[in-house]
Each structure stands twice: as structure tokens, then as C-alpha cells.
Protein backbone atom coordinates (compact mmCIF):
# COMPACT_ATOMS: atom_id res chain seq x y z
CA UNK A 1 -217.00 2.06 236.85
CA UNK A 2 -218.12 3.97 239.90
CA UNK A 3 -214.82 5.74 240.34
CA UNK A 4 -214.69 9.26 241.69
CA UNK A 5 -213.52 10.50 238.30
CA UNK A 6 -216.50 8.92 236.53
CA UNK A 7 -218.91 10.27 239.11
CA UNK A 8 -217.52 13.79 238.83
CA UNK A 9 -217.95 13.67 235.07
CA UNK A 10 -221.54 12.44 235.14
CA UNK A 11 -222.57 14.65 238.04
CA UNK A 12 -221.22 17.68 236.20
CA UNK A 13 -223.30 17.05 233.08
CA UNK A 14 -226.40 15.48 234.61
CA UNK A 15 -229.53 17.58 234.91
CA UNK A 16 -232.74 16.19 236.37
CA UNK A 17 -235.83 18.25 235.58
CA UNK A 18 -235.38 21.57 237.40
CA UNK A 19 -232.72 20.08 239.64
CA UNK A 20 -229.05 20.05 238.74
CA UNK A 21 -226.67 17.83 240.63
CA UNK A 22 -223.80 20.07 241.65
CA UNK A 23 -220.23 18.90 241.24
CA UNK A 24 -220.08 17.14 244.58
CA UNK A 25 -218.84 13.65 245.30
CA UNK A 26 -219.87 13.44 248.93
CA UNK A 27 -222.08 10.42 249.60
CA UNK A 28 -223.99 12.39 252.21
CA UNK A 29 -224.66 15.20 249.75
CA UNK A 30 -226.02 12.87 247.09
CA UNK A 31 -228.10 10.92 249.61
CA UNK A 32 -229.52 14.13 251.04
CA UNK A 33 -230.92 15.22 247.69
CA UNK A 34 -231.60 11.78 246.25
CA UNK A 35 -235.37 12.06 246.80
CA UNK A 36 -235.43 15.19 244.63
CA UNK A 37 -233.64 13.61 241.70
CA UNK A 38 -235.22 11.87 238.75
CA UNK A 39 -232.59 10.01 236.80
CA UNK A 40 -233.96 8.64 233.52
CA UNK A 41 -230.70 7.32 232.13
CA UNK A 42 -230.09 3.79 233.54
CA UNK A 43 -226.38 4.01 232.73
CA UNK A 44 -225.88 7.19 234.75
CA UNK A 45 -228.19 5.94 237.49
CA UNK A 46 -226.19 2.72 237.87
CA UNK A 47 -222.92 4.65 238.08
CA UNK A 48 -224.25 6.94 240.80
CA UNK A 49 -225.84 4.08 242.73
CA UNK A 50 -222.64 2.04 242.45
CA UNK A 51 -220.71 4.95 243.94
CA UNK A 52 -223.21 5.35 246.79
CA UNK A 53 -222.97 1.68 247.68
């Protein structure tokens, strides 16, 4: 869990309201837009958070 491969997969398919997370694995990129994202799926959220930490 939390591998780059997993993150790429989930980031590619995940859409949050009007915001789409682009296929980008940079921690800075995700952190920069984190406040704009609403992730309702706990499984996906935990994977992304695990990657960030």
C-alpha cells in the first residue's frame, strides 16, 4: 500500500467534485492542492495520505 504505482492508479481515476487530481506523484503537488480536494472514499484517502507521509 502507498506505493507509487498504487498512487498513480488512484490519482488517475479519482475525481473530487469539480476538481480532478492530475496524474502527478509529487508530494509537493498533492500538498499544494490538498485544501481543494474532497476525498469521500476512506480507502483512497488512506492511500494518498500514506504516500504523503
